[in-house]
C-alpha atoms as a PDB file:
ATOM      1  CA  MET A   1    -114.165 -98.218 168.903  1.00  0.00           C
ATOM      2  CA  GLN A   2    -116.912 -97.305 166.454  1.00  0.00           C
ATOM      3  CA  HIS A   3    -115.719 -95.644 163.218  1.00  0.00           C
ATOM      4  CA  PHE A   4    -117.916 -93.773 160.708  1.00  0.00           C
ATOM      5  CA  LYS A   5    -116.731 -93.806 157.101  1.00  0.00           C
ATOM      6  CA  THR A   6    -119.432 -91.553 155.679  1.00  0.00           C
ATOM      7  CA  LEU A   7    -120.714 -88.157 156.710  1.00  0.00           C
ATOM      8  CA  SER A   8    -124.310 -89.395 156.666  1.00  0.00           C
ATOM      9  CA  SER A   9    -123.622 -92.260 159.061  1.00  0.00           C
ATOM     10  CA  TYR A  10    -121.707 -89.918 161.386  1.00  0.00           C
ATOM     11  CA  LEU A  11    -124.542 -87.357 161.495  1.00  0.00           C
ATOM     12  CA  ALA A  12    -127.118 -90.117 161.971  1.00  0.00           C
ATOM     13  CA  TYR A  13    -125.132 -91.309 165.001  1.00  0.00           C
ATOM     14  CA  LEU A  14    -125.129 -87.752 166.369  1.00  0.00           C
ATOM     15  CA  GLU A  15    -128.907 -87.686 165.833  1.00  0.00           C
ATOM     16  CA  LEU A  16    -128.542 -84.650 163.546  1.00  0.00           C
ATOM     17  CA  PRO A  17    -130.457 -83.954 160.273  1.00  0.00           C
ATOM     18  CA  ARG A  18    -129.239 -85.621 157.073  1.00  0.00           C
ATOM     19  CA  PRO A  19    -126.822 -83.474 154.991  1.00  0.00           C
ATOM     20  CA  GLU A  20    -127.885 -81.704 151.778  1.00  0.00           C
ATOM     21  CA  HIS A  21    -124.655 -82.911 150.148  1.00  0.00           C
ATOM     22  CA  PRO A  22    -123.229 -86.446 150.598  1.00  0.00           C
ATOM     23  CA  MET A  23    -119.863 -85.052 151.688  1.00  0.00           C
ATOM     24  CA  LEU A  24    -120.742 -81.666 153.242  1.00  0.00           C
ATOM     25  CA  SER A  25    -123.077 -80.427 155.940  1.00  0.00           C
ATOM     26  CA  VAL A  26    -123.594 -76.906 157.294  1.00  0.00           C
ATOM     27  CA  PHE A  27    -125.557 -76.052 160.439  1.00  0.00           C
ATOM     28  CA  ASN A  28    -125.855 -72.324 161.006  1.00  0.00           C
ATOM     29  CA  SER A  29    -127.974 -70.607 163.665  1.00  0.00           C
ATOM     30  CA  LYS A  30    -128.259 -67.323 161.792  1.00  0.00           C
ATOM     31  CA  GLY A  31    -130.989 -64.890 162.879  1.00  0.00           C
ATOM     32  CA  ASP A  32    -133.416 -66.357 165.388  1.00  0.00           C
ATOM     33  CA  GLY A  33    -132.485 -69.920 164.496  1.00  0.00           C
ATOM     34  CA  PHE A  34    -130.847 -72.495 166.725  1.00  0.00           C
ATOM     35  CA  LEU A  35    -128.358 -75.275 166.146  1.00  0.00           C
ATOM     36  CA  PRO A  36    -129.829 -78.770 166.310  1.00  0.00           C
ATOM     37  CA  CYS A  37    -128.843 -80.675 169.462  1.00  0.00           C
ATOM     38  CA  PRO A  38    -126.552 -83.679 169.012  1.00  0.00           C
ATOM     39  CA  LYS A  39    -126.758 -86.612 171.405  1.00  0.00           C
ATOM     40  CA  GLU A  40    -125.696 -85.635 174.916  1.00  0.00           C
ATOM     41  CA  SER A  41    -122.900 -88.131 175.387  1.00  0.00           C
ATOM     42  CA  SER A  42    -120.835 -90.653 173.479  1.00  0.00           C
ATOM     43  CA  PRO A  43    -118.117 -93.248 174.104  1.00  0.00           C
ATOM     44  CA  PRO A  44    -114.927 -92.771 172.032  1.00  0.00           C
ATOM     45  CA  ILE A  45    -115.652 -92.681 168.275  1.00  0.00           C
ATOM     46  CA  THR A  46    -113.784 -91.718 165.085  1.00  0.00           C
ATOM     47  CA  ASN A  47    -114.798 -90.690 161.557  1.00  0.00           C
ATOM     48  CA  ASP A  48    -113.322 -89.660 158.191  1.00  0.00           C
ATOM     49  CA  CYS A  49    -114.530 -86.051 158.353  1.00  0.00           C
ATOM     50  CA  TYR A  50    -113.180 -82.614 159.139  1.00  0.00           C
ATOM     51  CA  SER A  51    -115.266 -80.517 161.527  1.00  0.00           C
ATOM     52  CA  ILE A  52    -115.148 -76.777 162.133  1.00  0.00           C
ATOM     53  CA  SER A  53    -117.501 -75.604 164.858  1.00  0.00           C
ATOM     54  CA  PHE A  54    -118.114 -72.308 166.581  1.00  0.00           C
ATOM     55  CA  LYS A  55    -120.005 -72.502 169.849  1.00  0.00           C
ATOM     56  CA  LYS A  56    -120.466 -70.475 172.987  1.00  0.00           C
ATOM     57  CA  TYR A  57    -119.779 -72.036 176.339  1.00  0.00           C
ATOM     58  CA  VAL A  58    -122.505 -71.896 178.989  1.00  0.00           C
ATOM     59  CA  GLU A  59    -121.490 -74.064 181.940  1.00  0.00           C
ATOM     60  CA  GLY A  60    -119.397 -77.014 183.034  1.00  0.00           C
ATOM     61  CA  ASP A  61    -115.651 -77.535 183.410  1.00  0.00           C
ATOM     62  CA  LEU A  62    -113.806 -76.627 180.277  1.00  0.00           C
ATOM     63  CA  ASN A  63    -110.034 -76.255 180.177  1.00  0.00           C
ATOM     64  CA  TYR A  64    -107.931 -74.180 177.841  1.00  0.00           C
ATOM     65  CA  GLY A  65    -104.553 -75.938 177.469  1.00  0.00           C
ATOM     66  CA  ARG A  66    -103.540 -76.384 181.097  1.00  0.00           C
ATOM     67  CA  THR A  67    -105.654 -73.507 182.403  1.00  0.00           C
ATOM     68  CA  LYS A  68    -109.327 -73.026 183.072  1.00  0.00           C
ATOM     69  CA  TYR A  69    -111.482 -71.509 180.374  1.00  0.00           C
ATOM     70  CA  ASP A  70    -111.245 -67.738 180.735  1.00  0.00           C
ATOM     71  CA  PHE A  71    -112.834 -66.327 177.601  1.00  0.00           C
ATOM     72  CA  THR A  72    -116.464 -65.279 177.619  1.00  0.00           C
ATOM     73  CA  ASN A  73    -116.930 -65.176 173.846  1.00  0.00           C
ATOM     74  CA  GLY A  74    -117.103 -67.990 171.344  1.00  0.00           C
ATOM     75  CA  ALA A  75    -114.560 -70.695 170.622  1.00  0.00           C
ATOM     76  CA  LEU A  76    -113.669 -72.265 167.280  1.00  0.00           C
ATOM     77  CA  ILE A  77    -113.006 -75.984 167.469  1.00  0.00           C
ATOM     78  CA  PHE A  78    -111.189 -77.899 164.712  1.00  0.00           C
ATOM     79  CA  ILE A  79    -111.312 -81.676 164.399  1.00  0.00           C
ATOM     80  CA  ALA A  80    -109.428 -83.740 161.796  1.00  0.00           C
ATOM     81  CA  PRO A  81    -110.353 -87.174 160.385  1.00  0.00           C
ATOM     82  CA  ARG A  82    -109.721 -90.118 162.714  1.00  0.00           C
ATOM     83  CA  GLN A  83    -109.269 -88.003 165.841  1.00  0.00           C
ATOM     84  CA  VAL A  84    -110.915 -89.701 168.787  1.00  0.00           C
ATOM     85  CA  LEU A  85    -114.061 -87.911 169.973  1.00  0.00           C
ATOM     86  CA  GLN A  86    -115.758 -88.384 173.312  1.00  0.00           C
ATOM     87  CA  TRP A  87    -118.040 -86.136 175.312  1.00  0.00           C
ATOM     88  CA  ASP A  88    -120.615 -86.153 178.060  1.00  0.00           C
ATOM     89  CA  SER A  89    -123.400 -83.922 179.293  1.00  0.00           C
ATOM     90  CA  SER A  90    -121.273 -81.949 181.802  1.00  0.00           C
ATOM     91  CA  VAL A  91    -120.280 -79.214 179.316  1.00  0.00           C
ATOM     92  CA  VAL A  92    -123.158 -77.116 177.999  1.00  0.00           C
ATOM     93  CA  PHE A  93    -123.017 -74.814 174.977  1.00  0.00           C
ATOM     94  CA  GLU A  94    -125.525 -72.323 173.603  1.00  0.00           C
ATOM     95  CA  GLN A  95    -127.438 -73.534 170.577  1.00  0.00           C
ATOM     96  CA  LYS A  96    -125.918 -70.643 168.673  1.00  0.00           C
ATOM     97  CA  GLY A  97    -123.016 -70.629 166.237  1.00  0.00           C
ATOM     98  CA  PHE A  98    -122.273 -72.962 163.349  1.00  0.00           C
ATOM     99  CA  SER A  99    -120.923 -76.389 162.568  1.00  0.00           C
ATOM    100  CA  ILE A 100    -119.388 -77.347 159.212  1.00  0.00           C
ATOM    101  CA  ASN A 101    -118.575 -80.999 158.600  1.00  0.00           C
ATOM    102  CA  PHE A 102    -117.046 -82.342 155.399  1.00  0.00           C
ATOM    103  CA  HIS A 103    -115.652 -85.704 154.364  1.00  0.00           C
ATOM    104  CA  GLU A 104    -111.924 -85.683 153.584  1.00  0.00           C
ATOM    105  CA  ASP A 105    -112.737 -86.862 150.022  1.00  0.00           C
ATOM    106  CA  PHE A 106    -114.602 -83.577 149.470  1.00  0.00           C
ATOM    107  CA  LEU A 107    -111.187 -81.886 149.125  1.00  0.00           C
ATOM    108  CA  LYS A 108    -109.651 -84.462 146.799  1.00  0.00           C
ATOM    109  CA  GLY A 109    -108.107 -82.929 143.668  1.00  0.00           C
ATOM    110  CA  THR A 110    -107.942 -79.450 145.194  1.00  0.00           C
ATOM    111  CA  PRO A 111    -104.897 -77.592 146.630  1.00  0.00           C
ATOM    112  CA  LEU A 112    -106.732 -77.411 149.963  1.00  0.00           C
ATOM    113  CA  ALA A 113    -106.456 -81.205 150.328  1.00  0.00           C
ATOM    114  CA  GLN A 114    -102.725 -80.786 151.086  1.00  0.00           C
ATOM    115  CA  GLN A 115    -102.844 -77.310 152.577  1.00  0.00           C
ATOM    116  CA  ILE A 116    -105.316 -78.298 155.302  1.00  0.00           C
ATOM    117  CA  LYS A 117    -102.820 -80.857 156.637  1.00  0.00           C
ATOM    118  CA  LYS A 118    -100.365 -78.029 157.338  1.00  0.00           C
ATOM    119  CA  TYR A 119    -102.694 -76.235 159.731  1.00  0.00           C
ATOM    120  CA  GLY A 120    -101.490 -77.256 163.170  1.00  0.00           C
ATOM    121  CA  PHE A 121    -104.728 -76.336 164.902  1.00  0.00           C
ATOM    122  CA  PHE A 122    -106.396 -79.472 163.519  1.00  0.00           C
ATOM    123  CA  SER A 123    -103.881 -81.432 165.605  1.00  0.00           C
ATOM    124  CA  TYR A 124    -104.400 -79.544 168.847  1.00  0.00           C
ATOM    125  CA  SER A 125    -107.377 -80.752 170.831  1.00  0.00           C
ATOM    126  CA  VAL A 126    -110.793 -79.597 171.849  1.00  0.00           C
ATOM    127  CA  ASN A 127    -109.424 -77.900 174.986  1.00  0.00           C
ATOM    128  CA  GLU A 128    -106.990 -75.872 172.887  1.00  0.00           C
ATOM    129  CA  ALA A 129    -109.715 -74.175 170.874  1.00  0.00           C
ATOM    130  CA  LEU A 130    -109.410 -70.797 169.165  1.00  0.00           C
ATOM    131  CA  HIS A 131    -111.121 -68.076 171.183  1.00  0.00           C
ATOM    132  CA  LEU A 132    -112.472 -65.266 169.020  1.00  0.00           C
ATOM    133  CA  SER A 133    -112.909 -61.590 169.791  1.00  0.00           C
ATOM    134  CA  PRO A 134    -116.289 -60.100 168.771  1.00  0.00           C
ATOM    135  CA  LYS A 135    -114.680 -58.500 165.712  1.00  0.00           C
ATOM    136  CA  GLU A 136    -113.064 -61.777 164.654  1.00  0.00           C
ATOM    137  CA  GLU A 137    -116.357 -63.562 165.265  1.00  0.00           C
ATOM    138  CA  LYS A 138    -118.115 -61.296 162.752  1.00  0.00           C
ATOM    139  CA  GLN A 139    -115.426 -61.929 160.135  1.00  0.00           C
ATOM    140  CA  ILE A 140    -115.766 -65.700 160.507  1.00  0.00           C
ATOM    141  CA  GLU A 141    -119.585 -65.537 160.516  1.00  0.00           C
ATOM    142  CA  ALA A 142    -119.550 -63.613 157.207  1.00  0.00           C
ATOM    143  CA  ILE A 143    -117.515 -66.366 155.551  1.00  0.00           C
ATOM    144  CA  VAL A 144    -119.740 -69.097 156.976  1.00  0.00           C
ATOM    145  CA  GLU A 145    -122.797 -67.235 155.707  1.00  0.00           C
ATOM    146  CA  ASN A 146    -121.371 -67.421 152.157  1.00  0.00           C
ATOM    147  CA  ILE A 147    -120.708 -71.138 152.567  1.00  0.00           C
ATOM    148  CA  ASP A 148    -124.231 -71.671 153.878  1.00  0.00           C
ATOM    149  CA  ILE A 149    -125.769 -69.817 150.906  1.00  0.00           C
ATOM    150  CA  GLU A 150    -123.925 -72.058 148.432  1.00  0.00           C
ATOM    151  CA  TYR A 151    -124.800 -75.142 150.492  1.00  0.00           C
ATOM    152  CA  GLN A 152    -128.522 -74.315 150.498  1.00  0.00           C
ATOM    153  CA  ASN A 153    -128.644 -73.369 146.786  1.00  0.00           C
ATOM    154  CA  ASN A 154    -129.161 -75.913 144.050  1.00  0.00           C
ATOM    155  CA  GLN A 155    -125.775 -77.386 143.214  1.00  0.00           C
ATOM    156  CA  ASP A 156    -124.185 -76.417 139.880  1.00  0.00           C
ATOM    157  CA  ALA A 157    -120.758 -76.671 138.247  1.00  0.00           C
ATOM    158  CA  PHE A 158    -119.423 -73.782 140.340  1.00  0.00           C
ATOM    159  CA  SER A 159    -120.777 -74.702 143.779  1.00  0.00           C
ATOM    160  CA  LYS A 160    -117.942 -76.906 144.979  1.00  0.00           C
ATOM    161  CA  ASP A 161    -115.197 -74.509 143.818  1.00  0.00           C
ATOM    162  CA  ILE A 162    -116.902 -71.605 145.589  1.00  0.00           C
ATOM    163  CA  ILE A 163    -117.352 -73.561 148.819  1.00  0.00           C
ATOM    164  CA  ILE A 164    -113.748 -74.817 148.747  1.00  0.00           C
ATOM    165  CA  SER A 165    -112.561 -71.249 148.188  1.00  0.00           C
ATOM    166  CA  GLN A 166    -114.588 -70.026 151.181  1.00  0.00           C
ATOM    167  CA  LEU A 167    -113.287 -72.861 153.371  1.00  0.00           C
ATOM    168  CA  ASP A 168    -109.755 -71.926 152.341  1.00  0.00           C
ATOM    169  CA  THR A 169    -110.414 -68.307 153.349  1.00  0.00           C
ATOM    170  CA  LEU A 170    -111.941 -69.371 156.683  1.00  0.00           C
ATOM    171  CA  LEU A 171    -108.889 -71.488 157.541  1.00  0.00           C
ATOM    172  CA  LYS A 172    -106.482 -68.689 156.616  1.00  0.00           C
ATOM    173  CA  TYR A 173    -108.311 -66.333 158.963  1.00  0.00           C
ATOM    174  CA  ALA A 174    -108.234 -69.003 161.673  1.00  0.00           C
ATOM    175  CA  ASN A 175    -104.481 -69.325 161.200  1.00  0.00           C
ATOM    176  CA  ARG A 176    -104.103 -65.551 161.611  1.00  0.00           C
ATOM    177  CA  PHE A 177    -106.263 -65.531 164.739  1.00  0.00           C
ATOM    178  CA  TYR A 178    -104.281 -68.395 166.271  1.00  0.00           C
ATOM    179  CA  GLU A 179    -101.123 -66.324 165.791  1.00  0.00           C
ATOM    180  CA  ARG A 180    -102.847 -63.517 167.680  1.00  0.00           C
ATOM    181  CA  GLN A 181    -103.894 -65.950 170.411  1.00  0.00           C
ATOM    182  CA  PHE A 182    -100.333 -67.179 170.901  1.00  0.00           C
ATOM    183  CA  LEU A 183     -99.076 -63.598 171.167  1.00  0.00           C
ATOM    184  CA  ASN A 184    -101.765 -62.697 173.707  1.00  0.00           C
ATOM    185  CA  ARG A 185    -101.029 -65.736 175.834  1.00  0.00           C
ATOM    186  CA  LYS A 186     -97.310 -65.287 176.356  1.00  0.00           C
ATOM    187  CA  GLU A 187     -97.673 -66.095 180.038  1.00  0.00           C
ATOM    188  CA  ILE A 188     -98.971 -69.540 179.125  1.00  0.00           C
ATOM    189  CA  SER A 189     -96.268 -69.967 176.477  1.00  0.00           C
ATOM    190  CA  ASN A 190     -93.519 -69.007 178.904  1.00  0.00           C
ATOM    191  CA  ASP A 191     -94.943 -71.369 181.507  1.00  0.00           C
ATOM    192  CA  LEU A 192     -95.064 -74.221 179.004  1.00  0.00           C
ATOM    193  CA  SER A 193     -91.479 -73.570 177.954  1.00  0.00           C
ATOM    194  CA  GLU A 194     -90.340 -73.599 181.592  1.00  0.00           C
ATOM    195  CA  GLN A 195     -92.226 -76.813 182.312  1.00  0.00           C
ATOM    196  CA  PHE A 196     -90.744 -78.433 179.209  1.00  0.00           C
ATOM    197  CA  ASN A 197     -87.198 -77.597 180.353  1.00  0.00           C
ATOM    198  CA  GLN A 198     -87.974 -78.610 183.940  1.00  0.00           C
ATOM    199  CA  TYR A 199     -89.325 -81.980 182.801  1.00  0.00           C
ATOM    200  CA  LEU A 200     -86.162 -82.692 180.804  1.00  0.00           C
ATOM    201  CA  THR A 201     -83.900 -81.653 183.686  1.00  0.00           C
ATOM    202  CA  GLU A 202     -85.743 -83.901 186.133  1.00  0.00           C
ATOM    203  CA  TYR A 203     -85.805 -86.753 183.603  1.00  0.00           C
ATOM    204  CA  PHE A 204     -82.038 -86.595 183.076  1.00  0.00           C
ATOM    205  CA  GLU A 205     -81.217 -86.163 186.777  1.00  0.00           C
ATOM    206  CA  SER A 206     -83.469 -89.053 187.836  1.00  0.00           C
ATOM    207  CA  GLY A 207     -81.519 -91.595 185.830  1.00  0.00           C
ATOM    208  CA  LYS A 208     -84.441 -92.327 183.529  1.00  0.00           C
ATOM    209  CA  LEU A 209     -82.283 -91.483 180.536  1.00  0.00           C
ATOM    210  CA  GLU A 210     -79.993 -94.444 181.208  1.00  0.00           C
ATOM    211  CA  GLU A 211     -82.965 -96.637 182.088  1.00  0.00           C
ATOM    212  CA  ASN A 212     -85.476 -95.722 179.365  1.00  0.00           C
ATOM    213  CA  GLY A 213     -83.492 -93.827 176.747  1.00  0.00           C
ATOM    214  CA  ILE A 214     -84.300 -90.470 175.187  1.00  0.00           C
ATOM    215  CA  PRO A 215     -87.926 -89.464 175.871  1.00  0.00           C
ATOM    216  CA  SER A 216     -90.076 -89.034 172.786  1.00  0.00           C
ATOM    217  CA  ILE A 217     -91.825 -85.760 172.062  1.00  0.00           C
ATOM    218  CA  GLU A 218     -95.103 -87.656 172.402  1.00  0.00           C
ATOM    219  CA  GLN A 219     -94.149 -88.730 175.937  1.00  0.00           C
ATOM    220  CA  ILE A 220     -93.175 -85.193 176.928  1.00  0.00           C
ATOM    221  CA  ALA A 221     -96.380 -83.683 175.501  1.00  0.00           C
ATOM    222  CA  GLU A 222     -98.437 -86.283 177.340  1.00  0.00           C
ATOM    223  CA  LYS A 223     -96.704 -85.421 180.625  1.00  0.00           C
ATOM    224  CA  LEU A 224     -97.419 -81.718 180.052  1.00  0.00           C
ATOM    225  CA  LEU A 225    -101.065 -82.488 179.175  1.00  0.00           C
ATOM    226  CA  VAL A 226    -100.936 -80.924 175.703  1.00  0.00           C
ATOM    227  CA  SER A 227    -100.822 -82.331 172.178  1.00  0.00           C
ATOM    228  CA  GLN A 228     -97.502 -82.726 170.347  1.00  0.00           C
ATOM    229  CA  ARG A 229     -98.444 -80.132 167.750  1.00  0.00           C
ATOM    230  CA  TYR A 230     -99.572 -77.595 170.332  1.00  0.00           C
ATOM    231  CA  LEU A 231     -96.349 -78.053 172.297  1.00  0.00           C
ATOM    232  CA  SER A 232     -94.253 -77.681 169.158  1.00  0.00           C
ATOM    233  CA  ASP A 233     -96.099 -74.603 167.885  1.00  0.00           C
ATOM    234  CA  THR A 234     -96.052 -72.891 171.289  1.00  0.00           C
ATOM    235  CA  LEU A 235     -92.324 -73.449 171.837  1.00  0.00           C
ATOM    236  CA  LYS A 236     -91.510 -72.470 168.265  1.00  0.00           C
ATOM    237  CA  LYS A 237     -93.373 -69.182 168.552  1.00  0.00           C
ATOM    238  CA  GLU A 238     -91.893 -68.436 171.961  1.00  0.00           C
ATOM    239  CA  THR A 239     -88.268 -69.466 171.449  1.00  0.00           C
ATOM    240  CA  GLY A 240     -87.821 -69.947 167.700  1.00  0.00           C
ATOM    241  CA  LYS A 241     -86.811 -73.576 168.306  1.00  0.00           C
ATOM    242  CA  THR A 242     -88.793 -76.771 167.823  1.00  0.00           C
ATOM    243  CA  THR A 243     -89.350 -79.326 170.584  1.00  0.00           C
ATOM    244  CA  THR A 244     -86.782 -81.608 168.946  1.00  0.00           C
ATOM    245  CA  GLU A 245     -84.201 -78.805 168.903  1.00  0.00           C
ATOM    246  CA  HIS A 246     -84.865 -78.109 172.598  1.00  0.00           C
ATOM    247  CA  LEU A 247     -84.430 -81.803 173.376  1.00  0.00           C
ATOM    248  CA  HIS A 248     -81.165 -81.939 171.421  1.00  0.00           C
ATOM    249  CA  LEU A 249     -79.796 -78.880 173.243  1.00  0.00           C
ATOM    250  CA  HIS A 250     -80.433 -80.589 176.588  1.00  0.00           C
ATOM    251  CA  LEU A 251     -78.714 -83.747 175.374  1.00  0.00           C
ATOM    252  CA  ILE A 252     -75.695 -81.804 174.162  1.00  0.00           C
ATOM    253  CA  ASP A 253     -75.413 -80.002 177.510  1.00  0.00           C
ATOM    254  CA  VAL A 254     -75.391 -83.344 179.341  1.00  0.00           C
ATOM    255  CA  ALA A 255     -72.916 -84.709 176.788  1.00  0.00           C
ATOM    256  CA  LYS A 256     -70.487 -81.856 177.450  1.00  0.00           C
ATOM    257  CA  ASN A 257     -70.241 -82.875 181.103  1.00  0.00           C
ATOM    258  CA  SER A 258     -69.846 -86.549 180.280  1.00  0.00           C
ATOM    259  CA  LEU A 259     -67.105 -85.821 177.743  1.00  0.00           C
ATOM    260  CA  LEU A 260     -65.051 -84.263 180.529  1.00  0.00           C
ATOM    261  CA  HIS A 261     -64.514 -87.758 181.952  1.00  0.00           C
ATOM    262  CA  PRO A 262     -61.357 -88.873 180.113  1.00  0.00           C
ATOM    263  CA  HIS A 263     -61.928 -92.570 180.773  1.00  0.00           C
ATOM    264  CA  LYS A 264     -65.203 -92.674 178.861  1.00  0.00           C
ATOM    265  CA  SER A 265     -65.102 -93.302 175.140  1.00  0.00           C
ATOM    266  CA  ILE A 266     -67.246 -91.233 172.780  1.00  0.00           C
ATOM    267  CA  SER A 267     -69.369 -94.326 172.156  1.00  0.00           C
ATOM    268  CA  GLU A 268     -69.937 -94.832 175.884  1.00  0.00           C
ATOM    269  CA  VAL A 269     -71.098 -91.236 176.240  1.00  0.00           C
ATOM    270  CA  ALA A 270     -73.434 -91.688 173.282  1.00  0.00           C
ATOM    271  CA  TYR A 271     -74.928 -94.893 174.694  1.00  0.00           C
ATOM    272  CA  GLU A 272     -75.378 -93.302 178.140  1.00  0.00           C
ATOM    273  CA  LEU A 273     -77.396 -90.522 176.529  1.00  0.00           C
ATOM    274  CA  GLY A 274     -79.684 -93.039 174.860  1.00  0.00           C
ATOM    275  CA  PHE A 275     -78.247 -92.827 171.353  1.00  0.00           C
ATOM    276  CA  GLU A 276     -78.429 -96.185 169.641  1.00  0.00           C
ATOM    277  CA  TYR A 277     -75.847 -95.183 167.045  1.00  0.00           C
ATOM    278  CA  PRO A 278     -72.743 -93.267 168.296  1.00  0.00           C
ATOM    279  CA  PRO A 279     -72.007 -91.806 164.808  1.00  0.00           C
ATOM    280  CA  TYR A 280     -75.401 -90.078 164.913  1.00  0.00           C
ATOM    281  CA  PHE A 281     -74.530 -88.587 168.294  1.00  0.00           C
ATOM    282  CA  SER A 282     -71.198 -87.320 166.918  1.00  0.00           C
ATOM    283  CA  ARG A 283     -72.892 -85.732 163.900  1.00  0.00           C
ATOM    284  CA  LEU A 284     -75.519 -84.074 166.095  1.00  0.00           C
ATOM    285  CA  PHE A 285     -72.877 -82.775 168.503  1.00  0.00           C
ATOM    286  CA  LYS A 286     -70.837 -81.286 165.679  1.00  0.00           C
ATOM    287  CA  LYS A 287     -73.926 -79.754 164.120  1.00  0.00           C
ATOM    288  CA  LYS A 288     -74.831 -78.010 167.382  1.00  0.00           C
ATOM    289  CA  GLU A 289     -71.352 -77.120 168.648  1.00  0.00           C
ATOM    290  CA  GLY A 290     -69.396 -76.740 165.426  1.00  0.00           C
ATOM    291  CA  ILE A 291     -66.767 -79.246 166.582  1.00  0.00           C
ATOM    292  CA  SER A 292     -66.786 -83.022 167.075  1.00  0.00           C
ATOM    293  CA  PRO A 293     -66.978 -84.654 170.551  1.00  0.00           C
ATOM    294  CA  SER A 294     -63.305 -85.617 170.266  1.00  0.00           C
ATOM    295  CA  GLU A 295     -62.330 -82.070 169.354  1.00  0.00           C
ATOM    296  CA  TYR A 296     -64.407 -80.750 172.251  1.00  0.00           C
ATOM    297  CA  ARG A 297     -62.588 -83.077 174.643  1.00  0.00           C
ATOM    298  CA  GLU A 298     -59.197 -82.054 173.246  1.00  0.00           C
ATOM    299  CA  LYS A 299     -60.120 -78.411 173.455  1.00  0.00           C
ATOM    300  CA  TYR A 300     -61.014 -78.812 177.109  1.00  0.00           C
ATOM    301  CA  LYS A 301     -57.740 -80.583 177.838  1.00  0.00           C
ATOM    302  CA  LEU A 302     -55.824 -77.777 176.227  1.00  0.00           C
ATOM    303  CA  ASN A 303     -57.635 -75.236 178.357  1.00  0.00           C
END
């Protein structure tokens, strides 16, 4: 897979104009202008840059999570360094909007270098984009306009700090709007939560637990056709629990039934549930239930 270490080489591959700054580029279709067209298709590639793009969908099949695209306004797309990119000519966007690309080294030495890694939306995927209302669109465009002005001006000692500050503001607004999007899409969140629980139930009942061990969050997310981060954020906002906590609760429920068999040792129950180390299973059980597996078994006997 081809990898681009510099912003210039990445933009050259996309057949886009060279950047004004070695580590930052801004394309903005303000007024009557248009965005330059990148190459129509590409095999999988990676680069060392962050990308924030706002574009309007025109035609083609575009999914949102596990549903079809259903928003007629623009969509913000966030891409982190080393994410695999691939596209073809089937999806068409208007040549309106903006695209900001910056090398990860552009943030070095600034608080944003660490903060940006905490924004989950960089770990979602293109089909889990942020869909803006017209009002939100204007707020984002105003920030991008400020970034563009600094980008086009002659660079001085203050330019980078101002641009970093504006990027920080843009990402904070995006974080707020994603919260709004999760709240407005409760039906999708509920559906994802149900499918997550259904997958675990079927996995445990099919005997795959004994055969393959505890499924990883990555495996579950892949089965549900979403990214790990998107799954985690959606479940957390809907239920208050992380994907790992949900998985542990299922395991503990299965363990409770197994512990009712008096001829099975605690270690045997732990191994059946896919735990490599029985003491870890005992600690997890006590953490969730407030009593140890042995105490749970004794308590049942007494009752």
